[in-house]
Amino acid sequence: MKPNMTTFYNTGSVSIWLTVTERTDFVVIHTKKLNITDITMTSADDMDVPVIRRLECTQHEQLFIGFDGLLVPNRNYSLRLTFERQLEEQLEGFYVSSYVDTRTGVRKYLLTTHFEPTSARSAFPCFDEPALKASFSMKLVHERDFEAFFNSERVDRVPYNKEGLIMSVFEPTVPMSTYLVAFIVCDFNIHAKQTREGINIRAIVPDEQDSQSNYALNSAASILSYYQEFFNITYPLSKLDLVAVPDFGGGAMENWGLITFRTSVFLYNDNESNSETQEQVAIVVAHELAHMWFGNLVTMNWWDDLWLNEGFASYIENLGVNYIHPEWKMMEQFVVTTTQYAMAMDSLQTSHPIRADVKNPTEIEAIFDMISYKKGASLIRMLDNFLGIDNLRIGLSAFLHKYQYKTAKTSDLWHSFSDASRIHGINVSAIMDTWVNQKGFPVITVRRIGNQLMLNQRRFLSSIPDSDNIDDPSDISPFGYKWIIPVTIITDRLSRESRLVWFNTSTCRYHLMPNTSGSK
């Protein structure tokens, strides 16, 4: 990449090493609003494969490249494309950000990225799908007064030309998805700290906000160490950069090794910020660090399993914050801060299943909502409740070890949990499929008849269903709006223990111990 910090015009090239699984005379890659100036293809033995056709489909953000001759399976090829684009202040892709230095009144600029879910293709041509992981190397040309940052460590910083430009060279990354790639050119200050395992963590912030990064930096160092112990799997990179970006569309983005934050959820001033701000900073830091394992190390195979990323990070963040601030009692806040918000949205007919069928960028963007985040987190809490924290940790660790640097589906996670809880005979897949593959949640009514409790379940809706939409295909459930529900029963005869009852039909009967009183 060679972005101009004055004109904000970027030129670049990308070389993609690839193999094909069957004979073909074309490949299709993703590109969006890029001016592709040249395309070449060579085989591993440096033989040219002539490009004879190129067609761009703007609707699907794809580029068809046709060749004179067939590509052969299991042979390496190098596809090289050169491209250019005018960078804009648009909060996605590779874009221009700015802020005003309040001490001088001067507006300052930086270049940064935000690729999730499908904007890497607007920065460079690529196979922009989460399952197509690759190792990325970067050479970034920039002005001498600026620093460049990438997912991986910089290995060299050399003069580029007589105009005083510098080329920063970065080592190859671990295998990862395109949406996690990030690079930044800025003139920020750097604060560094090491975890007890020797991982370098840096807070990268504008000069005038220099003193407000310490809390996030110290929190990240402690939480990262805790997560390594909790997941029983080491953070695989040697560094982790935390960057405060003045113009940022989301709260933060978990780019591997180079997390970006909106300044309002990263900066904390001991003398001026309130306790709510402090808690918010800790939660966001803990959330993004959880993604280093859930999302980055193991990635969902396709966006319909987004909840594997966001639901887990939204649950694990509470454990991370609770580690550094046990006095905040994060798990006791959970029902109010997470579950109730999820239920409010999920009680609407317009809700959607956690696993949503998505096919294009617009549909993908739509599922970044409370269902994926907060309902997903609430279901993990339910899993924790009936599996137990030890089985939860064993299942998570097995899942992460098995699929590290790869992608996985929801069913793969359920199998890991079922294996971890095999001694208890719990079929996690059968239980949880009723919760992730249908929208809504049940309301349970309980009646006592003699020494029996009669439980009934039905879907809860916060408003009367629209009679005109009774046959709406989008409102049909594969499970008939019935859930397999873990019900905990406590009576005056069971004051020191609880009974877990599995409720998996419309009606459930539970026999009470004789002589149990009728008190509620």
Protein backbone atom coordinates (compact mmCIF):
# COMPACT_ATOMS: atom_id res chain seq x y z
CA MET A 1 0.00 0.00 0.00
CA LYS A 2 1.17 3.53 -0.80
CA PRO A 3 -1.38 6.04 0.54
CA ASN A 4 -0.75 9.77 0.11
CA MET A 5 -1.42 11.66 3.36
CA THR A 6 -2.04 14.93 1.46
CA THR A 7 -4.30 13.83 -1.41
CA PHE A 8 -5.56 10.67 0.35
CA TYR A 9 -5.12 8.75 -2.88
CA ASN A 10 -4.01 5.16 -2.41
CA THR A 11 -2.21 2.91 -4.86
CA GLY A 12 -1.29 -0.66 -4.15
CA SER A 13 -0.79 -4.20 -5.32
CA VAL A 14 -1.63 -7.60 -3.93
CA SER A 15 -0.14 -11.02 -4.71
CA ILE A 16 -2.40 -13.92 -3.78
CA TRP A 17 -0.92 -17.42 -3.61
CA LEU A 18 -3.64 -19.93 -4.31
CA THR A 19 -4.47 -23.45 -5.42
CA VAL A 20 -7.66 -24.70 -7.06
CA THR A 21 -9.55 -27.86 -6.15
CA GLU A 22 -10.62 -28.68 -9.71
CA ARG A 23 -9.61 -27.74 -13.24
CA THR A 24 -10.88 -24.30 -14.15
CA ASP A 25 -10.18 -21.52 -16.62
CA PHE A 26 -11.39 -18.72 -14.32
CA VAL A 27 -11.39 -17.48 -10.73
CA VAL A 28 -13.77 -15.06 -9.00
CA ILE A 29 -12.51 -12.72 -6.28
CA HIS A 30 -14.09 -9.86 -4.33
CA THR A 31 -13.51 -6.21 -5.14
CA LYS A 32 -15.54 -3.09 -4.39
CA LYS A 33 -15.03 0.40 -5.83
CA LEU A 34 -11.40 -0.33 -6.72
CA ASN A 35 -9.85 0.70 -10.03
CA ILE A 36 -8.02 -2.49 -11.05
CA THR A 37 -5.18 -1.37 -13.30
CA ASP A 38 -3.42 -4.68 -14.03
CA ILE A 39 -3.91 -8.43 -13.51
CA THR A 40 -1.33 -11.18 -14.02
CA MET A 41 -1.27 -14.88 -13.14
CA THR A 42 1.81 -17.06 -12.92
CA SER A 43 2.35 -20.68 -11.93
CA ALA A 44 4.83 -21.86 -9.33
CA ASP A 45 7.46 -22.39 -12.06
CA ASP A 46 7.06 -18.75 -13.20
CA MET A 47 5.05 -19.60 -16.30
CA ASP A 48 2.54 -16.90 -17.28
CA VAL A 49 -1.13 -17.83 -17.46
CA PRO A 50 -2.58 -15.23 -19.84
CA VAL A 51 -5.60 -13.27 -18.63
CA ILE A 52 -8.05 -12.98 -21.53
CA ARG A 53 -11.21 -11.79 -19.83
CA ARG A 54 -12.34 -9.74 -16.84
CA LEU A 55 -15.90 -8.96 -15.82
CA GLU A 56 -16.95 -7.01 -12.74
CA CYS A 57 -20.29 -7.64 -11.02
CA THR A 58 -20.91 -4.57 -8.85
CA GLN A 59 -24.08 -6.04 -7.34
CA HIS A 60 -22.20 -8.96 -5.79
CA GLU A 61 -18.91 -7.05 -5.44
CA GLN A 62 -17.05 -9.69 -7.47
CA LEU A 63 -14.49 -9.76 -10.25
CA PHE A 64 -14.44 -12.60 -12.79
CA ILE A 65 -10.97 -13.32 -14.21
CA GLY A 66 -10.79 -15.66 -17.22
CA PHE A 67 -7.58 -17.38 -18.40
CA ASP A 68 -6.25 -18.79 -21.65
CA GLY A 69 -5.76 -22.33 -20.40
CA LEU A 70 -6.71 -24.40 -17.39
CA LEU A 71 -5.49 -24.08 -13.81
CA VAL A 72 -4.47 -27.50 -12.50
CA PRO A 73 -5.49 -28.77 -9.02
CA ASN A 74 -2.84 -28.95 -6.28
CA ARG A 75 -0.47 -26.62 -8.13
CA ASN A 76 0.48 -23.23 -6.68
CA TYR A 77 -0.37 -20.06 -8.58
CA SER A 78 0.26 -16.38 -7.91
CA LEU A 79 -2.48 -13.92 -8.83
CA ARG A 80 -1.21 -10.32 -8.82
CA LEU A 81 -3.45 -7.27 -9.10
CA THR A 82 -2.55 -3.60 -8.98
CA PHE A 83 -5.23 -1.12 -7.98
CA GLU A 84 -5.98 2.44 -6.88
CA ARG A 85 -8.70 4.31 -5.03
CA GLN A 86 -9.48 7.68 -3.53
CA LEU A 87 -9.76 7.25 0.25
CA GLU A 88 -12.75 8.86 1.94
CA GLU A 89 -14.06 9.73 5.40
CA GLN A 90 -16.64 6.95 5.44
CA LEU A 91 -15.96 4.76 8.56
CA GLU A 92 -15.49 1.52 6.62
CA GLY A 93 -12.86 -0.09 4.46
CA PHE A 94 -9.54 1.80 4.32
CA TYR A 95 -10.60 5.34 5.22
CA VAL A 96 -9.56 8.80 6.40
CA SER A 97 -10.13 9.80 10.02
CA SER A 98 -9.46 13.19 11.59
CA TYR A 99 -9.62 15.15 14.83
CA VAL A 100 -8.88 18.67 16.03
CA ASP A 101 -5.98 19.16 18.42
CA THR A 102 -7.66 21.37 21.03
CA ARG A 103 -4.32 22.85 22.11
CA THR A 104 -3.43 24.19 18.66
CA GLY A 105 -6.77 24.21 16.83
CA VAL A 106 -5.15 22.26 13.98
CA ARG A 107 -7.04 19.42 12.30
CA LYS A 108 -4.94 16.27 12.11
CA TYR A 109 -5.45 13.25 9.90
CA LEU A 110 -4.83 9.53 10.09
CA LEU A 111 -5.62 6.53 7.89
CA THR A 112 -7.27 3.51 9.42
CA THR A 113 -9.39 0.47 8.55
CA HIS A 114 -12.62 -1.27 9.48
CA PHE A 115 -13.35 -4.38 7.41
CA GLU A 116 -16.01 -6.39 9.28
CA PRO A 117 -18.01 -7.88 7.76
CA THR A 118 -17.32 -7.36 4.03
CA SER A 119 -15.23 -4.23 3.53
CA ALA A 120 -11.76 -5.72 3.08
CA ARG A 121 -12.66 -6.00 -0.61
CA SER A 122 -12.92 -2.21 -0.80
CA ALA A 123 -9.31 -1.85 0.41
CA PHE A 124 -7.65 -4.56 -1.72
CA PRO A 125 -8.84 -7.38 -4.01
CA CYS A 126 -9.23 -10.57 -1.99
CA PHE A 127 -11.23 -13.72 -1.30
CA ASP A 128 -13.36 -11.92 1.25
CA GLU A 129 -15.13 -14.76 3.08
CA PRO A 130 -14.39 -15.88 6.65
CA ALA A 131 -13.70 -19.53 5.74
CA LEU A 132 -10.94 -18.55 3.29
CA LYS A 133 -8.20 -17.88 5.82
CA ALA A 134 -4.73 -16.81 4.73
CA SER A 135 -1.46 -15.49 6.07
CA PHE A 136 -0.98 -11.80 5.20
CA SER A 137 2.24 -9.86 4.67
CA MET A 138 2.31 -6.09 4.37
CA LYS A 139 4.60 -3.38 3.03
CA LEU A 140 3.21 0.06 3.81
CA VAL A 141 4.72 3.27 2.38
CA HIS A 142 4.16 6.46 4.39
CA GLU A 143 5.57 9.86 5.35
CA ARG A 144 8.52 9.94 7.74
CA ASP A 145 6.57 11.81 10.43
CA PHE A 146 3.99 9.04 10.68
CA GLU A 147 4.06 5.52 12.06
CA ALA A 148 2.48 2.48 10.44
CA PHE A 149 0.81 -0.38 12.30
CA PHE A 150 -0.39 -3.78 11.12
CA ASN A 151 -1.72 -7.00 12.63
CA SER A 152 1.81 -8.38 12.98
CA GLU A 153 5.16 -7.05 14.21
CA ARG A 154 7.12 -4.61 12.08
CA VAL A 155 10.44 -6.15 11.03
CA ASP A 156 11.93 -3.24 9.06
CA ARG A 157 11.58 0.49 8.47
CA VAL A 158 13.63 1.63 5.47
CA PRO A 159 13.87 4.73 3.20
CA TYR A 160 11.61 4.36 0.17
CA ASN A 161 12.64 7.25 -2.11
CA LYS A 162 14.35 10.64 -2.21
CA GLU A 163 11.14 12.42 -1.23
CA GLY A 164 11.58 11.19 2.32
CA LEU A 165 8.99 8.42 2.28
CA ILE A 166 9.45 5.39 4.51
CA MET A 167 8.48 1.77 3.89
CA SER A 168 7.40 -0.22 6.94
CA VAL A 169 7.70 -3.98 6.42
CA PHE A 170 5.70 -6.40 8.58
CA GLU A 171 6.15 -10.09 9.23
CA PRO A 172 3.56 -12.60 7.94
CA THR A 173 0.51 -13.02 10.12
CA VAL A 174 -0.93 -16.25 11.44
CA PRO A 175 -3.72 -17.68 9.23
CA MET A 176 -6.79 -15.47 9.59
CA SER A 177 -9.87 -14.17 7.81
CA THR A 178 -9.84 -11.01 5.69
CA TYR A 179 -12.27 -9.12 7.93
CA LEU A 180 -9.63 -9.18 10.71
CA VAL A 181 -6.90 -7.53 8.63
CA ALA A 182 -6.06 -4.00 9.82
CA PHE A 183 -3.48 -1.31 9.13
CA ILE A 184 -3.13 2.25 10.37
CA VAL A 185 -0.98 5.28 9.53
CA CYS A 186 -0.95 7.94 12.26
CA ASP A 187 1.22 10.20 14.44
CA PHE A 188 -0.10 8.98 17.81
CA ASN A 189 1.76 8.42 21.07
CA ILE A 190 2.56 4.91 22.26
CA HIS A 191 2.38 3.50 25.79
CA ALA A 192 3.63 -0.06 26.33
CA LYS A 193 3.19 -2.75 28.94
CA GLN A 194 4.03 -6.45 29.14
CA THR A 195 1.80 -9.22 30.41
CA ARG A 196 3.28 -11.69 32.85
CA GLU A 197 3.69 -14.08 29.89
CA GLY A 198 5.83 -11.52 28.03
CA ILE A 199 3.28 -10.32 25.47
CA ASN A 200 3.79 -6.68 24.47
CA ILE A 201 0.64 -4.56 24.74
CA ARG A 202 0.61 -1.00 23.44
CA ALA A 203 -1.95 1.77 23.77
CA ILE A 204 -1.78 4.06 20.71
CA VAL A 205 -3.57 7.38 21.27
CA PRO A 206 -3.55 11.03 20.13
CA ASP A 207 -0.94 13.11 21.95
CA GLU A 208 -3.36 15.30 23.92
CA GLN A 209 -5.17 12.21 25.28
CA ASP A 210 -1.94 10.52 26.23
CA SER A 211 -2.66 10.15 29.95
CA GLN A 212 -6.13 8.65 29.48
CA SER A 213 -5.04 5.28 28.09
CA ASN A 214 -3.52 3.77 31.24
CA TYR A 215 -6.69 2.18 32.60
CA ALA A 216 -7.51 0.37 29.34
CA LEU A 217 -3.87 -0.70 28.93
CA ASN A 218 -3.59 -2.13 32.44
CA SER A 219 -7.00 -3.82 32.16
CA ALA A 220 -6.04 -5.45 28.86
CA ALA A 221 -2.80 -6.82 30.29
CA SER A 222 -4.58 -8.47 33.23
CA ILE A 223 -7.55 -9.79 31.25
CA LEU A 224 -5.37 -11.24 28.48
CA SER A 225 -3.47 -13.28 31.07
CA TYR A 226 -6.72 -14.43 32.67
CA TYR A 227 -8.20 -15.56 29.34
CA GLN A 228 -5.13 -17.64 28.54
CA GLU A 229 -5.63 -19.49 31.80
CA PHE A 230 -9.41 -19.76 31.39
CA PHE A 231 -9.29 -21.13 27.83
CA ASN A 232 -6.14 -23.16 28.50
CA ILE A 233 -4.71 -21.96 25.20
CA THR A 234 -1.99 -19.37 24.70
CA TYR A 235 -2.54 -16.06 22.92
CA PRO A 236 -0.63 -16.86 19.72
CA LEU A 237 0.82 -13.44 18.84
CA SER A 238 3.79 -11.64 20.35
CA LYS A 239 2.04 -8.26 20.52
CA LEU A 240 -1.34 -6.62 20.91
CA ASP A 241 -1.96 -3.00 19.92
CA LEU A 242 -4.94 -1.01 21.18
CA VAL A 243 -5.69 2.07 19.06
CA ALA A 244 -8.06 4.95 19.94
CA VAL A 245 -9.63 6.08 16.64
CA PRO A 246 -11.41 9.48 16.63
CA ASP A 247 -13.89 8.52 13.88
CA PHE A 248 -15.09 4.97 14.34
CA GLY A 249 -18.46 3.51 13.42
CA GLY A 250 -18.66 0.71 16.00
CA GLY A 251 -17.64 0.55 19.62
CA ALA A 252 -14.51 -1.43 18.78
CA MET A 253 -13.16 -4.01 16.33
CA GLU A 254 -11.23 -7.14 17.25
CA ASN A 255 -8.60 -7.04 14.47
CA TRP A 256 -6.06 -9.67 15.47
CA GLY A 257 -3.11 -7.96 17.14
CA LEU A 258 -4.42 -4.47 16.29
CA ILE A 259 -7.72 -3.73 18.04
CA THR A 260 -9.37 -0.42 17.16
CA PHE A 261 -11.63 1.47 19.60
CA ARG A 262 -13.89 4.46 19.46
CA THR A 263 -12.18 6.96 21.79
CA SER A 264 -15.27 7.26 24.03
CA VAL A 265 -15.04 3.56 25.03
CA PHE A 266 -11.26 3.49 25.42
CA LEU A 267 -10.15 6.64 27.21
CA TYR A 268 -10.62 7.04 30.95
CA ASN A 269 -9.62 10.01 33.08
CA ASP A 270 -9.25 9.23 36.81
CA ASN A 271 -10.11 12.80 37.76
CA GLU A 272 -13.01 13.48 35.40
CA SER A 273 -14.61 10.24 34.12
CA ASN A 274 -17.46 8.66 36.07
CA SER A 275 -17.75 5.05 37.21
CA GLU A 276 -20.11 4.20 34.35
CA THR A 277 -17.42 5.20 31.84
CA GLN A 278 -14.87 3.10 33.70
CA GLU A 279 -17.13 0.04 33.58
CA GLN A 280 -17.86 0.59 29.89
CA VAL A 281 -14.14 0.77 29.04
CA ALA A 282 -13.47 -2.45 30.96
CA ILE A 283 -16.38 -4.26 29.27
CA VAL A 284 -15.37 -3.25 25.75
CA VAL A 285 -11.72 -4.18 26.33
CA ALA A 286 -12.75 -7.55 27.80
CA HIS A 287 -15.16 -8.16 24.89
CA GLU A 288 -12.56 -7.50 22.19
CA LEU A 289 -9.92 -9.59 23.95
CA ALA A 290 -12.37 -12.51 24.14
CA HIS A 291 -12.53 -12.35 20.35
CA MET A 292 -8.83 -13.18 20.14
CA TRP A 293 -10.01 -16.73 20.79
CA PHE A 294 -13.67 -16.68 19.73
CA GLY A 295 -13.67 -15.16 16.28
CA ASN A 296 -9.96 -14.86 15.54
CA LEU A 297 -8.36 -18.17 16.55
CA VAL A 298 -11.56 -20.07 15.70
CA THR A 299 -13.84 -18.29 13.24
CA MET A 300 -17.41 -19.01 12.19
CA ASN A 301 -17.51 -20.78 8.84
CA TRP A 302 -20.07 -18.32 7.48
CA TRP A 303 -21.88 -15.27 8.81
CA ASP A 304 -25.02 -17.23 9.71
CA ASP A 305 -23.03 -18.38 12.76
CA LEU A 306 -22.02 -14.83 13.76
CA TRP A 307 -23.32 -15.54 17.25
CA LEU A 308 -20.37 -17.91 17.80
CA ASN A 309 -18.25 -14.76 17.74
CA GLU A 310 -20.47 -12.21 19.37
CA GLY A 311 -22.54 -14.29 21.78
CA PHE A 312 -19.47 -15.82 23.36
CA ALA A 313 -17.56 -12.55 23.53
CA SER A 314 -20.62 -10.91 25.13
CA TYR A 315 -20.70 -13.62 27.80
CA ILE A 316 -16.96 -14.02 28.37
CA GLU A 317 -16.53 -10.24 28.75
CA ASN A 318 -18.33 -10.53 32.09
CA LEU A 319 -15.84 -13.11 33.33
CA GLY A 320 -12.94 -10.91 32.22
CA VAL A 321 -14.27 -7.79 33.97
CA ASN A 322 -15.20 -9.81 37.03
CA TYR A 323 -11.57 -10.95 37.22
CA ILE A 324 -10.21 -7.41 37.52
CA HIS A 325 -13.19 -5.94 39.40
CA PRO A 326 -14.95 -8.65 41.46
CA GLU A 327 -16.59 -5.90 43.51
CA TRP A 328 -18.68 -4.94 40.46
CA LYS A 329 -20.47 -8.36 40.53
CA MET A 330 -20.80 -8.59 36.77
CA MET A 331 -22.63 -11.92 36.74
CA GLU A 332 -25.22 -10.55 39.14
CA GLN A 333 -25.83 -7.66 36.74
CA PHE A 334 -26.16 -10.02 33.77
CA VAL A 335 -29.94 -10.49 33.78
CA VAL A 336 -30.54 -6.74 33.78
CA THR A 337 -27.76 -5.70 31.39
CA THR A 338 -28.08 -8.57 28.91
CA THR A 339 -30.97 -11.05 29.23
CA GLN A 340 -33.76 -8.51 29.63
CA TYR A 341 -32.63 -6.56 26.56
CA ALA A 342 -32.49 -9.77 24.52
CA MET A 343 -35.98 -10.82 25.65
CA ALA A 344 -37.44 -7.43 24.79
CA MET A 345 -36.36 -7.79 21.16
CA ASP A 346 -36.96 -11.54 20.93
CA SER A 347 -40.56 -11.18 22.10
CA LEU A 348 -41.42 -9.42 18.83
CA GLN A 349 -42.78 -11.26 15.81
CA THR A 350 -40.11 -9.49 13.77
CA SER A 351 -37.28 -11.15 15.68
CA HIS A 352 -35.06 -13.74 13.99
CA PRO A 353 -33.30 -16.97 14.99
CA ILE A 354 -29.77 -16.66 16.32
CA ARG A 355 -28.59 -18.68 13.34
CA ALA A 356 -29.93 -16.54 10.52
CA ASP A 357 -29.73 -17.41 6.83
CA VAL A 358 -27.74 -14.57 5.26
CA LYS A 359 -26.45 -14.37 1.69
CA ASN A 360 -25.29 -10.82 0.93
CA PRO A 361 -23.57 -7.90 2.70
CA THR A 362 -26.85 -6.15 3.55
CA GLU A 363 -28.29 -9.25 5.22
CA ILE A 364 -25.01 -9.85 7.05
CA GLU A 365 -24.97 -6.31 8.46
CA ALA A 366 -28.54 -6.75 9.74
CA ILE A 367 -27.68 -9.59 12.15
CA PHE A 368 -25.21 -7.51 14.19
CA ASP A 369 -27.96 -6.94 16.75
CA MET A 370 -29.11 -7.85 20.25
CA ILE A 371 -30.13 -11.35 19.17
CA SER A 372 -26.60 -12.30 18.09
CA TYR A 373 -24.94 -10.48 21.00
CA LYS A 374 -27.23 -10.53 24.03
CA LYS A 375 -29.46 -13.55 23.35
CA GLY A 376 -26.35 -15.47 22.33
CA ALA A 377 -24.66 -14.51 25.60
CA SER A 378 -27.77 -15.46 27.58
CA LEU A 379 -27.77 -18.93 26.06
CA ILE A 380 -24.13 -19.43 27.02
CA ARG A 381 -25.09 -18.46 30.56
CA MET A 382 -27.83 -21.10 30.43
CA LEU A 383 -25.24 -23.64 29.22
CA ASP A 384 -22.97 -22.66 32.11
CA ASN A 385 -25.89 -23.20 34.47
CA PHE A 386 -26.78 -26.75 33.45
CA LEU A 387 -23.32 -27.99 32.39
CA GLY A 388 -21.37 -26.38 35.20
CA ILE A 389 -18.41 -24.03 34.79
CA ASP A 390 -15.86 -26.86 34.75
CA ASN A 391 -17.56 -28.68 31.88
CA LEU A 392 -18.03 -25.35 30.10
CA ARG A 393 -14.29 -24.65 30.30
CA ILE A 394 -13.36 -28.19 29.22
CA GLY A 395 -15.72 -27.97 26.23
CA LEU A 396 -14.47 -24.53 25.22
CA SER A 397 -10.83 -25.55 25.48
CA ALA A 398 -11.41 -28.72 23.41
CA PHE A 399 -13.27 -26.69 20.77
CA LEU A 400 -10.56 -24.06 20.51
CA HIS A 401 -7.74 -26.61 20.33
CA LYS A 402 -9.49 -28.67 17.65
CA TYR A 403 -10.41 -25.78 15.35
CA GLN A 404 -7.60 -23.29 15.96
CA TYR A 405 -6.65 -21.32 12.81
CA LYS A 406 -9.69 -22.89 11.14
CA THR A 407 -13.41 -22.24 10.96
CA ALA A 408 -16.24 -24.03 12.71
CA LYS A 409 -20.02 -24.28 12.85
CA THR A 410 -22.43 -24.18 15.77
CA SER A 411 -22.82 -27.96 15.61
CA ASP A 412 -19.07 -28.36 16.15
CA LEU A 413 -19.31 -26.43 19.40
CA TRP A 414 -22.25 -28.52 20.62
CA HIS A 415 -20.29 -31.71 19.99
CA SER A 416 -17.41 -30.38 22.11
CA PHE A 417 -19.80 -29.62 24.97
CA SER A 418 -21.54 -32.99 24.66
CA ASP A 419 -18.16 -34.73 24.86
CA ALA A 420 -17.24 -32.70 27.94
CA SER A 421 -20.51 -33.60 29.68
CA ARG A 422 -20.81 -37.19 28.42
CA ILE A 423 -20.77 -38.56 31.97
CA HIS A 424 -24.04 -36.68 32.62
CA GLY A 425 -25.70 -37.98 29.43
CA ILE A 426 -26.61 -34.50 28.19
CA ASN A 427 -27.22 -34.11 24.44
CA VAL A 428 -26.24 -30.49 24.03
CA SER A 429 -27.06 -30.41 20.30
CA ALA A 430 -30.66 -31.54 20.80
CA ILE A 431 -31.18 -29.01 23.59
CA MET A 432 -29.52 -25.98 22.08
CA ASP A 433 -30.80 -26.44 18.53
CA THR A 434 -34.26 -25.56 19.84
CA TRP A 435 -32.83 -22.26 21.10
CA VAL A 436 -30.60 -21.15 18.22
CA ASN A 437 -32.65 -22.34 15.23
CA GLN A 438 -35.98 -20.77 16.16
CA LYS A 439 -36.77 -17.25 17.22
CA GLY A 440 -38.51 -16.27 20.40
CA PHE A 441 -38.57 -17.86 23.82
CA PRO A 442 -41.13 -19.67 25.99
CA VAL A 443 -43.26 -18.48 28.86
CA ILE A 444 -43.87 -21.27 31.38
CA THR A 445 -47.02 -21.50 33.49
CA VAL A 446 -46.96 -23.64 36.63
CA ARG A 447 -49.95 -25.13 38.47
CA ARG A 448 -49.96 -27.37 41.52
CA ILE A 449 -52.44 -30.23 41.65
CA GLY A 450 -51.94 -32.24 44.82
CA ASN A 451 -48.37 -33.47 44.87
CA GLN A 452 -47.81 -32.69 41.20
CA LEU A 453 -46.56 -29.60 39.43
CA MET A 454 -48.03 -29.11 35.96
CA LEU A 455 -45.79 -27.07 33.63
CA ASN A 456 -46.95 -25.72 30.28
CA GLN A 457 -44.87 -23.84 27.73
CA ARG A 458 -45.83 -21.60 24.84
CA ARG A 459 -44.11 -18.89 22.84
CA PHE A 460 -44.14 -15.50 24.52
CA LEU A 461 -45.09 -12.51 22.41
CA SER A 462 -45.18 -8.96 23.76
CA SER A 463 -48.11 -8.07 21.47
CA ILE A 464 -51.09 -9.88 19.97
CA PRO A 465 -50.05 -11.67 16.74
CA ASP A 466 -51.18 -10.06 13.51
CA SER A 467 -53.88 -12.39 12.17
CA ASP A 468 -52.91 -11.44 8.62
CA ASN A 469 -49.46 -12.99 9.15
CA ILE A 470 -50.46 -16.34 10.65
CA ASP A 471 -49.21 -18.18 7.55
CA ASP A 472 -46.13 -16.01 7.09
CA PRO A 473 -43.27 -18.41 6.15
CA SER A 474 -40.81 -16.30 8.17
CA ASP A 475 -42.85 -17.01 11.31
CA ILE A 476 -42.82 -20.81 10.99
CA SER A 477 -40.58 -22.65 13.45
CA PRO A 478 -38.82 -25.97 12.73
CA PHE A 479 -39.64 -27.00 16.31
CA GLY A 480 -43.22 -25.69 16.44
CA TYR A 481 -42.16 -23.08 19.02
CA LYS A 482 -41.34 -25.72 21.61
CA TRP A 483 -38.06 -25.63 23.50
CA ILE A 484 -36.06 -28.13 25.52
CA ILE A 485 -35.89 -26.17 28.75
CA PRO A 486 -33.71 -26.76 31.82
CA VAL A 487 -36.07 -26.07 34.73
CA THR A 488 -34.65 -25.82 38.23
CA ILE A 489 -37.11 -26.78 40.98
CA ILE A 490 -36.57 -25.88 44.64
CA THR A 491 -39.10 -26.67 47.38
CA ASP A 492 -39.10 -26.38 51.16
CA ARG A 493 -37.96 -30.02 51.24
CA LEU A 494 -35.10 -29.19 48.87
CA SER A 495 -33.96 -25.98 50.49
CA ARG A 496 -30.28 -26.92 50.26
CA GLU A 497 -30.33 -28.44 46.81
CA SER A 498 -32.08 -27.98 43.48
CA ARG A 499 -33.59 -30.44 41.02
CA LEU A 500 -32.91 -30.01 37.30
CA VAL A 501 -35.88 -31.11 35.20
CA TRP A 502 -35.78 -31.24 31.39
CA PHE A 503 -38.98 -29.86 29.89
CA ASN A 504 -39.19 -30.85 26.21
CA THR A 505 -42.91 -31.14 25.38
CA SER A 506 -45.96 -28.90 25.63
CA THR A 507 -46.72 -30.19 29.13
CA CYS A 508 -44.46 -31.48 31.89
CA ARG A 509 -45.42 -33.16 35.19
CA TYR A 510 -43.16 -33.13 38.24
CA HIS A 511 -43.97 -35.23 41.30
CA LEU A 512 -43.27 -33.48 44.56
CA MET A 513 -42.06 -35.27 47.65
CA PRO A 514 -44.91 -36.29 49.95
CA ASN A 515 -45.91 -33.79 52.64
CA THR A 516 -44.23 -30.89 50.87
CA SER A 517 -46.00 -27.74 51.94
CA GLY A 518 -47.91 -25.59 49.52
CA SER A 519 -45.92 -22.45 50.13
CA LYS A 520 -44.55 -20.72 47.04
